[in-house]
Protein backbone atom coordinates (compact mmCIF):
# COMPACT_ATOMS: atom_id res chain seq x y z
CA MET A 1 -45.84 -74.59 69.93
CA ASP A 2 -48.96 -73.75 71.44
CA ARG A 3 -51.62 -71.32 70.27
CA ILE A 4 -50.72 -68.86 73.02
CA SER A 5 -47.19 -68.91 72.25
CA GLN A 6 -47.57 -68.12 68.46
CA LEU A 7 -49.84 -65.48 69.51
CA GLY A 8 -46.92 -63.91 71.08
CA VAL A 9 -44.71 -64.48 68.52
CA MET A 10 -46.88 -62.69 65.96
CA PHE A 11 -47.14 -59.95 68.29
CA ALA A 12 -43.94 -59.53 69.04
CA VAL A 13 -43.29 -59.45 64.84
CA LEU A 14 -45.99 -56.99 64.38
CA LEU A 15 -44.37 -54.74 67.26
CA MET A 16 -40.96 -54.94 65.19
CA ILE A 17 -42.83 -53.81 62.18
CA GLY A 18 -44.32 -51.19 63.70
CA ILE A 19 -41.34 -49.62 65.17
CA GLY A 20 -39.61 -49.98 61.72
CA PHE A 21 -42.38 -48.02 60.13
CA GLY A 22 -42.04 -45.59 63.00
CA ALA A 23 -38.33 -45.00 62.14
CA VAL A 24 -38.92 -44.34 58.37
CA GLY A 25 -41.56 -41.93 59.13
CA SER A 26 -39.14 -39.82 61.63
CA VAL A 27 -36.43 -40.11 58.82
CA SER A 28 -38.91 -38.85 56.10
CA ALA A 29 -39.81 -35.69 58.49
CA GLN A 30 -36.44 -34.81 58.99
CA GLN A 31 -34.83 -31.58 57.00
CA THR A 32 -32.20 -32.23 54.63
CA GLY A 33 -30.38 -28.80 54.86
CA PRO A 34 -28.79 -26.55 52.21
CA VAL A 35 -27.75 -28.55 49.06
CA ALA A 36 -25.46 -26.39 46.56
CA ASP A 37 -25.70 -27.16 42.52
CA ILE A 38 -23.81 -24.96 40.34
CA GLU A 39 -24.01 -24.72 36.74
CA VAL A 40 -21.82 -23.09 34.41
CA ASP A 41 -23.50 -21.24 30.76
CA SER A 42 -21.31 -23.04 28.42
CA GLU A 43 -22.45 -20.26 25.84
CA THR A 44 -20.34 -17.38 27.59
CA VAL A 45 -17.34 -19.44 27.21
CA PRO A 46 -15.44 -18.49 24.17
CA GLU A 47 -13.96 -21.18 22.05
CA SER A 48 -10.60 -19.33 22.14
CA VAL A 49 -8.80 -16.60 24.26
CA SER A 50 -5.97 -14.80 23.13
CA PRO A 51 -3.00 -13.86 25.87
CA GLY A 52 -3.71 -10.65 27.72
CA ASP A 53 -7.55 -11.11 27.06
CA SER A 54 -10.40 -11.46 29.59
CA PHE A 55 -13.86 -12.87 29.40
CA ASP A 56 -17.02 -12.84 30.98
CA VAL A 57 -18.56 -16.20 32.32
CA THR A 58 -21.89 -16.68 33.51
CA MET A 59 -22.84 -19.39 36.38
CA THR A 60 -26.07 -20.28 38.39
CA VAL A 61 -25.72 -21.50 41.75
CA THR A 62 -28.66 -22.77 43.37
CA ASN A 63 -30.03 -23.87 46.77
CA THR A 64 -31.79 -27.26 46.05
CA GLY A 65 -31.95 -28.17 49.57
CA ASP A 66 -35.14 -27.89 51.79
CA ALA A 67 -33.32 -25.25 54.29
CA ASP A 68 -32.16 -21.96 53.80
CA ALA A 69 -28.53 -21.11 53.84
CA ASP A 70 -27.06 -18.00 55.74
CA SER A 71 -23.94 -17.78 53.61
CA GLY A 72 -22.85 -18.91 50.06
CA GLY A 73 -20.56 -18.19 47.13
CA ILE A 74 -18.00 -19.39 44.65
CA GLU A 75 -14.37 -20.08 44.74
CA PHE A 76 -12.26 -20.56 42.00
CA SER A 77 -9.01 -22.83 41.35
CA THR A 78 -7.34 -21.40 38.42
CA PRO A 79 -3.96 -22.50 36.77
CA ASP A 80 -0.71 -20.12 36.35
CA GLY A 81 -1.59 -17.32 34.49
CA VAL A 82 -5.34 -17.27 34.82
CA ALA A 83 -7.42 -15.21 37.45
CA ALA A 84 -10.86 -14.98 38.57
CA ASP A 85 -12.26 -13.19 41.77
CA SER A 86 -14.08 -15.17 44.22
CA VAL A 87 -18.10 -14.11 44.86
CA PHE A 88 -19.62 -13.98 48.08
CA PHE A 89 -23.58 -14.25 48.58
CA VAL A 90 -23.66 -11.78 51.69
CA THR A 91 -27.26 -12.51 52.24
CA GLY A 92 -27.20 -16.41 51.91
CA VAL A 93 -29.29 -18.47 49.90
CA ASP A 94 -32.72 -19.48 50.42
CA ALA A 95 -33.72 -22.80 50.01
CA GLY A 96 -34.96 -23.05 46.50
CA GLU A 97 -33.23 -19.81 45.52
CA GLN A 98 -31.33 -19.22 42.57
CA ILE A 99 -28.57 -16.65 42.15
CA VAL A 100 -26.95 -16.12 38.76
CA GLU A 101 -23.26 -14.34 38.67
CA THR A 102 -21.08 -13.01 36.20
CA VAL A 103 -17.61 -13.49 36.77
CA THR A 104 -14.75 -11.98 34.51
CA VAL A 105 -11.82 -14.25 34.00
CA GLU A 106 -8.52 -12.53 33.21
CA VAL A 107 -5.73 -14.25 31.13
CA ASN A 108 -1.90 -13.15 31.62
CA ASP A 109 -0.25 -11.82 28.29
CA SER A 110 2.70 -14.09 29.10
CA ILE A 111 0.73 -17.64 29.29
CA ASP A 112 1.30 -20.18 26.72
CA PRO A 113 -1.23 -21.30 24.23
CA GLY A 114 -3.00 -24.66 25.28
CA THR A 115 -6.00 -26.03 26.92
CA TYR A 116 -6.55 -24.96 30.53
CA SER A 117 -9.16 -25.54 33.21
CA ILE A 118 -10.73 -23.35 36.17
CA THR A 119 -12.52 -24.86 38.82
CA ALA A 120 -15.51 -23.12 40.18
CA ASP A 121 -16.51 -24.38 43.51
CA ALA A 122 -19.96 -23.42 44.85
CA VAL A 123 -20.90 -22.93 48.34
CA VAL A 124 -24.35 -23.04 50.21
CA GLY A 125 -24.11 -23.25 53.70
CA ASP A 126 -22.24 -26.53 54.48
CA SER A 127 -22.91 -27.90 51.15
CA THR A 128 -20.42 -27.53 48.03
CA ASP A 129 -20.68 -28.32 44.16
CA SER A 130 -18.20 -27.84 41.73
CA ALA A 131 -17.90 -27.24 37.75
CA ASP A 132 -15.19 -26.86 35.36
CA ILE A 133 -14.55 -24.01 33.15
CA PRO A 134 -12.61 -25.09 30.15
CA ILE A 135 -10.24 -22.37 28.70
CA SER A 136 -8.45 -22.52 25.21
CA ILE A 137 -5.70 -20.11 25.06
CA GLY A 138 -5.21 -19.51 21.18
CA GLN A 139 -2.50 -17.64 19.22
CA PRO A 140 -2.75 -14.79 16.98
CA VAL A 141 -0.79 -16.02 13.86
CA ALA A 142 0.46 -13.38 11.14
CA ASP A 143 0.58 -14.30 7.51
CA ILE A 144 1.66 -11.72 4.88
CA GLU A 145 1.51 -11.63 1.16
CA LEU A 146 2.57 -9.46 -1.48
CA ASN A 147 0.49 -8.53 -4.12
CA ASN A 148 3.22 -9.16 -7.10
CA GLN A 149 0.63 -7.31 -9.86
CA THR A 150 1.62 -3.89 -7.84
CA VAL A 151 5.39 -4.45 -8.39
CA PRO A 152 6.66 -2.44 -11.38
CA ASP A 153 9.25 -4.19 -13.61
CA SER A 154 11.75 -1.60 -13.31
CA VAL A 155 12.06 1.49 -11.26
CA SER A 156 13.83 4.66 -12.47
CA PRO A 157 15.82 6.68 -9.68
CA GLY A 158 13.81 9.40 -8.26
CA ALA A 159 10.62 7.59 -8.58
CA SER A 160 8.11 6.07 -6.33
CA PHE A 161 5.60 2.93 -6.52
CA ASP A 162 2.75 1.86 -4.76
CA VAL A 163 2.86 -2.14 -3.25
CA ASP A 164 -0.13 -3.72 -1.58
CA LEU A 165 0.46 -6.18 1.04
CA ALA A 166 -1.93 -8.13 2.64
CA VAL A 167 -1.59 -9.16 6.23
CA THR A 168 -4.08 -11.83 7.44
CA ASN A 169 -4.14 -13.50 11.04
CA VAL A 170 -4.28 -16.90 10.31
CA GLY A 171 -4.56 -17.80 13.99
CA ASP A 172 -7.37 -18.89 16.42
CA ALA A 173 -6.97 -15.64 18.68
CA ASP A 174 -7.88 -12.07 18.06
CA ALA A 175 -4.85 -9.63 17.93
CA ASP A 176 -4.94 -6.17 19.79
CA THR A 177 -1.93 -4.93 17.93
CA GLY A 178 -0.53 -5.39 14.59
CA GLY A 179 1.39 -3.64 11.50
CA ILE A 180 4.38 -3.70 9.10
CA GLU A 181 7.55 -2.59 9.38
CA PHE A 182 10.29 -2.45 6.43
CA THR A 183 13.81 -2.95 6.36
CA THR A 184 15.07 -1.29 3.31
CA PRO A 185 18.59 -0.74 1.50
CA ALA A 186 20.28 2.77 1.31
CA GLY A 187 18.33 4.80 -1.26
CA ILE A 188 15.13 3.00 -0.86
CA ALA A 189 12.39 4.20 1.70
CA ALA A 190 9.11 3.08 2.84
CA ASP A 191 6.81 4.31 6.03
CA ASP A 192 5.67 1.83 8.55
CA ALA A 193 2.25 1.01 8.80
CA PHE A 194 0.24 0.25 12.03
CA PHE A 195 -3.00 -1.29 12.51
CA VAL A 196 -4.49 0.45 15.40
CA SER A 197 -7.80 -1.66 15.61
CA GLY A 198 -5.67 -4.76 15.96
CA VAL A 199 -6.30 -7.80 13.99
CA ASP A 200 -9.02 -10.22 14.50
CA ALA A 201 -8.64 -13.90 14.13
CA GLY A 202 -9.40 -14.69 10.29
CA GLU A 203 -9.27 -11.14 9.50
CA GLN A 204 -7.56 -9.96 6.50
CA VAL A 205 -5.99 -6.21 6.33
CA VAL A 206 -4.60 -4.97 2.83
CA LYS A 207 -2.32 -1.82 3.18
CA THR A 208 -1.25 0.09 0.15
CA VAL A 209 2.59 1.33 0.82
CA THR A 210 4.65 3.83 -1.05
CA VAL A 211 8.16 2.85 -1.67
CA ASP A 212 10.20 6.10 -2.58
CA VAL A 213 13.59 5.66 -4.48
CA ASN A 214 16.34 8.10 -4.23
CA ASP A 215 17.35 9.73 -7.67
CA SER A 216 21.12 9.08 -6.71
CA ILE A 217 20.55 5.44 -6.13
CA ASP A 218 22.64 3.13 -8.64
CA PRO A 219 20.96 0.72 -11.17
CA GLY A 220 20.72 -2.73 -10.02
CA THR A 221 18.29 -5.25 -8.21
CA TYR A 222 17.41 -4.52 -4.44
CA SER A 223 15.00 -6.11 -1.90
CA VAL A 224 12.87 -4.47 0.79
CA THR A 225 11.56 -6.72 3.53
CA ALA A 226 8.23 -6.41 5.11
CA ASP A 227 7.83 -7.72 8.57
CA ALA A 228 4.03 -7.86 9.28
CA THR A 229 3.17 -8.15 13.04
CA VAL A 230 -0.25 -9.85 14.55
CA GLY A 231 0.23 -9.95 18.27
CA GLU A 232 3.25 -11.50 19.12
CA SER A 233 3.67 -13.47 15.70
CA THR A 234 5.50 -12.11 12.81
CA ASP A 235 5.48 -13.04 8.92
CA SER A 236 8.00 -11.82 6.42
CA VAL A 237 7.91 -10.89 2.45
CA ASP A 238 10.42 -9.53 0.38
CA ILE A 239 9.37 -6.86 -1.96
CA PRO A 240 11.84 -6.99 -5.01
CA VAL A 241 12.87 -3.58 -6.66
CA SER A 242 14.84 -3.26 -9.94
CA ILE A 243 16.43 0.15 -10.15
CA GLY A 244 16.62 0.66 -14.07
CA GLN A 245 18.10 3.44 -16.01
CA PRO A 246 16.60 5.78 -18.66
CA VAL A 247 18.71 6.08 -21.89
CA ALA A 248 18.55 9.22 -24.07
CA ASP A 249 19.08 8.78 -27.74
CA LEU A 250 18.52 12.08 -29.77
CA GLU A 251 18.31 11.50 -33.79
CA VAL A 252 17.76 14.67 -36.03
CA VAL A 253 14.74 13.42 -38.26
CA ALA A 254 14.46 16.26 -40.86
CA GLY A 255 15.87 19.64 -41.69
CA PRO A 256 17.13 22.19 -41.54
CA THR A 257 14.37 23.50 -43.97
CA PRO A 258 14.98 25.35 -45.85
CA GLU A 259 18.61 25.37 -46.61
CA PRO A 260 20.42 27.43 -47.13
CA ALA A 261 18.78 29.79 -44.38
CA THR A 262 18.52 33.57 -45.03
CA PRO A 263 19.24 36.32 -42.51
CA GLY A 264 16.30 37.79 -41.04
CA GLU A 265 14.35 34.44 -41.45
CA SER A 266 14.00 30.99 -39.87
CA PHE A 267 14.38 27.49 -40.54
CA GLU A 268 13.23 24.56 -38.57
CA VAL A 269 14.84 20.97 -37.70
CA GLU A 270 12.85 17.88 -36.66
CA PHE A 271 14.28 15.84 -33.57
CA ALA A 272 13.16 12.64 -32.15
CA VAL A 273 14.00 11.59 -28.69
CA THR A 274 13.69 7.98 -27.65
CA ASN A 275 14.16 6.30 -24.31
CA THR A 276 16.22 3.13 -25.22
CA GLY A 277 16.93 2.30 -21.48
CA ASP A 278 14.80 -0.11 -19.31
CA SER A 279 12.99 2.40 -16.90
CA ASP A 280 10.64 5.46 -17.19
CA ALA A 281 12.15 8.79 -17.25
CA THR A 282 10.13 11.54 -15.12
CA THR A 283 11.78 14.34 -16.67
CA GLY A 284 13.29 15.08 -20.31
CA GLY A 285 13.77 17.79 -22.85
CA ILE A 286 16.00 19.26 -25.67
CA GLN A 287 18.58 22.45 -25.04
CA PHE A 288 20.33 23.90 -27.60
CA GLU A 289 23.96 25.79 -28.18
CA THR A 290 23.34 28.13 -31.03
CA PRO A 291 25.87 30.47 -32.53
CA SER A 292 25.53 34.03 -32.44
CA GLY A 293 22.71 35.57 -34.20
CA VAL A 294 20.69 32.21 -34.07
CA SER A 295 18.16 31.82 -31.50
CA THR A 296 15.67 29.21 -30.36
CA GLY A 297 14.15 27.85 -26.91
CA SER A 298 14.42 24.83 -25.09
CA VAL A 299 11.95 22.03 -25.19
CA PHE A 300 10.68 20.05 -22.06
CA PHE A 301 9.02 16.81 -21.69
CA THR A 302 6.51 17.60 -18.97
CA ASN A 303 5.41 14.24 -18.93
CA GLY A 304 8.79 12.64 -19.00
CA VAL A 305 9.93 10.10 -21.41
CA GLU A 306 8.62 6.12 -20.80
CA SER A 307 10.86 3.29 -21.47
CA GLY A 308 10.85 2.76 -25.19
CA GLU A 309 8.94 5.68 -26.02
CA GLU A 310 9.75 8.20 -28.85
CA ILE A 311 8.96 11.99 -28.58
CA THR A 312 9.20 13.97 -31.92
CA GLU A 313 9.62 17.74 -31.74
CA THR A 314 9.91 20.19 -34.39
CA VAL A 315 12.16 23.32 -33.36
CA ARG A 316 12.14 26.79 -35.13
CA PHE A 317 15.57 28.50 -35.08
CA ASP A 318 15.82 32.38 -35.85
CA ILE A 319 18.16 33.92 -37.60
CA ASN A 320 18.98 37.52 -37.02
CA ASP A 321 19.22 39.54 -40.14
CA SER A 322 22.79 41.02 -39.54
CA VAL A 323 24.35 37.25 -39.46
CA ASP A 324 27.04 36.58 -42.11
CA SER A 325 26.96 34.20 -44.65
CA GLY A 326 28.76 31.13 -44.01
CA GLU A 327 28.27 27.47 -42.40
CA TYR A 328 27.15 27.09 -38.93
CA SER A 329 25.96 24.59 -36.51
CA VAL A 330 23.73 23.94 -33.51
CA ILE A 331 24.31 21.24 -30.67
CA ALA A 332 21.28 19.96 -29.41
CA ASP A 333 21.69 18.01 -25.93
CA ALA A 334 18.75 15.61 -25.19
CA THR A 335 17.84 14.56 -21.62
CA VAL A 336 15.93 11.74 -20.04
CA GLY A 337 16.38 11.40 -16.63
CA GLN A 338 19.64 11.53 -16.06
CA SER A 339 21.03 10.28 -19.22
CA THR A 340 22.12 12.93 -21.96
CA ASP A 341 22.70 12.51 -25.78
CA SER A 342 23.90 14.87 -28.18
CA SER A 343 23.55 15.79 -31.86
CA THR A 344 25.07 18.40 -34.06
CA VAL A 345 22.90 20.08 -36.77
CA SER A 346 24.83 22.04 -39.45
CA PHE A 347 23.45 24.47 -41.89
CA GLU A 348 24.16 27.23 -44.33
CA ILE A 349 23.25 31.02 -44.30
CA THR A 350 23.32 32.73 -47.41
CA ASN A 351 23.62 36.85 -47.46
CA GLY A 352 22.93 38.03 -50.90
CA ASP A 353 24.90 35.65 -52.96
CA GLY A 354 21.69 33.36 -54.05
CA LEU A 355 20.13 36.12 -56.01
CA SER A 356 20.58 34.15 -59.03
CA ARG A 357 17.40 32.37 -58.03
CA PHE A 358 15.31 35.77 -58.85
CA ASP A 359 16.74 35.84 -62.44
CA THR A 360 14.02 33.62 -63.91
CA ASP A 361 14.83 34.57 -67.30
CA GLY A 362 18.69 34.06 -67.53
CA SER A 363 19.57 37.43 -68.42
CA GLY A 364 22.21 37.59 -65.70
CA THR A 365 20.61 40.54 -64.31
CA ILE A 366 17.66 41.70 -62.30
CA ASP A 367 14.84 43.21 -64.26
CA PHE A 368 11.71 45.02 -63.17
CA PRO A 369 9.18 41.84 -64.00
CA GLU A 370 11.85 39.79 -61.35
CA VAL A 371 11.71 42.41 -58.84
CA ILE A 372 7.83 42.57 -58.78
CA ALA A 373 7.72 38.78 -58.57
CA ALA A 374 10.20 38.91 -55.67
CA ILE A 375 7.69 41.22 -53.99
CA GLN A 376 4.70 39.24 -54.60
CA ALA A 377 6.39 36.31 -53.41
CA ARG A 378 7.29 37.79 -50.24
CA ASN A 379 3.92 39.10 -49.72
CA GLU A 380 2.09 36.20 -50.41
CA GLY A 381 4.47 33.79 -48.55
CA THR A 382 5.44 31.92 -51.56
CA GLN A 383 9.01 30.66 -52.76
CA ILE A 384 11.49 31.38 -55.42
CA GLY A 385 13.77 28.65 -56.27
CA ASN A 386 12.16 26.46 -53.57
CA ARG A 387 12.99 28.77 -50.94
CA PRO A 388 10.88 31.57 -49.48
CA VAL A 389 11.73 34.98 -50.04
CA SER A 390 12.93 37.41 -47.16
CA PHE A 391 12.92 41.09 -46.49
CA THR A 392 16.76 40.93 -46.84
CA ASP A 393 16.35 39.15 -50.39
CA ILE A 394 14.15 41.97 -51.30
CA ILE A 395 16.18 44.82 -50.62
CA GLN A 396 18.94 42.88 -52.33
CA VAL A 397 16.93 42.23 -55.47
CA ILE A 398 16.19 45.86 -55.70
CA ALA A 399 19.63 46.83 -55.11
CA ALA A 400 20.74 44.64 -57.89
CA PHE A 401 17.88 46.23 -60.24
CA ASN A 402 19.05 49.39 -59.80
CA GLU A 403 22.58 48.52 -60.46
CA ASP A 404 21.66 46.23 -63.20
CA THR A 405 23.93 43.48 -61.61
CA LEU A 406 23.45 40.10 -60.41
CA VAL A 407 25.01 40.02 -56.95
């Protein structure tokens, strides 16, 4: 090829290269237009959501293009049971502008637990970008435990006791509602408990519940069912209730003292009441059936009688000064709860036929020194013949002295 031809080819090549450079330059000078970019703030997405709950999630939409957009917004594609309202940027999105939006996501209360995803589609002009919002639907799970140490070994009819129950939400979602309901046999009652603030995931609520036992219930073993509810989850535990029976046992420990007794005076008897049953009694006492001319008051055990407990009482019986000599008896009725036991106390009353004890010199009659001794014993409260001296004794001693006889 000659020189002139070579120059022509080079010129053509240079011309082509120049054209290429020009084309590149024209592309770099063109505007790219609006470009959408969306990011989800993961810190605003909860780890778990309960059915029926809602939460707010924060998203950032940026126009990374070099041109303003007259329109923009975010639209959502949601699974069944999840909803979120679309967002519109009514003033558009300028180039380089960043818009932060907080959107409320609502979860239906009938949705099944599991992992779901919401797709957020950001629109900036004609450009779109998408981001996924993960949603983990958790479930409150009820767990109820009975503190066995608060359950008594035995309960008496008519008594009540407190029992501690711990309800825990062991699930991975909070519960807006919760409580304990009781199923009780006839003769036993317990009031339901409600957790007005619900139960958060991992939270434990301890409730002290009073169980009331009717006084007419038969002895035996019963069961109260406690049903705990945390959201839609339930758990149950049985509370054993052993209804025991107080059993009264009455024993005369000592007395009557003195014996024989004297009209116008008094004597004492010591009683022991024991609850030999397997249950405490909230009430108890002793009542007496006395003969005419003999009186006393009833005894009440204000604190009841515990199982195995023995209560000793010394009771005074007053004798009317007009009571005839003879053999008498008092019936003592002990009550421990609904159980009763009785015992009979026999005693003798002498009316003037015991003056021989005042005949200290053995003469067979009452002399003046013996009258004085009787009066002194009466005034000083001392005894003659191992018995106290009553006013009736003095009258009879003086009468015997005057008549020079030993009645």
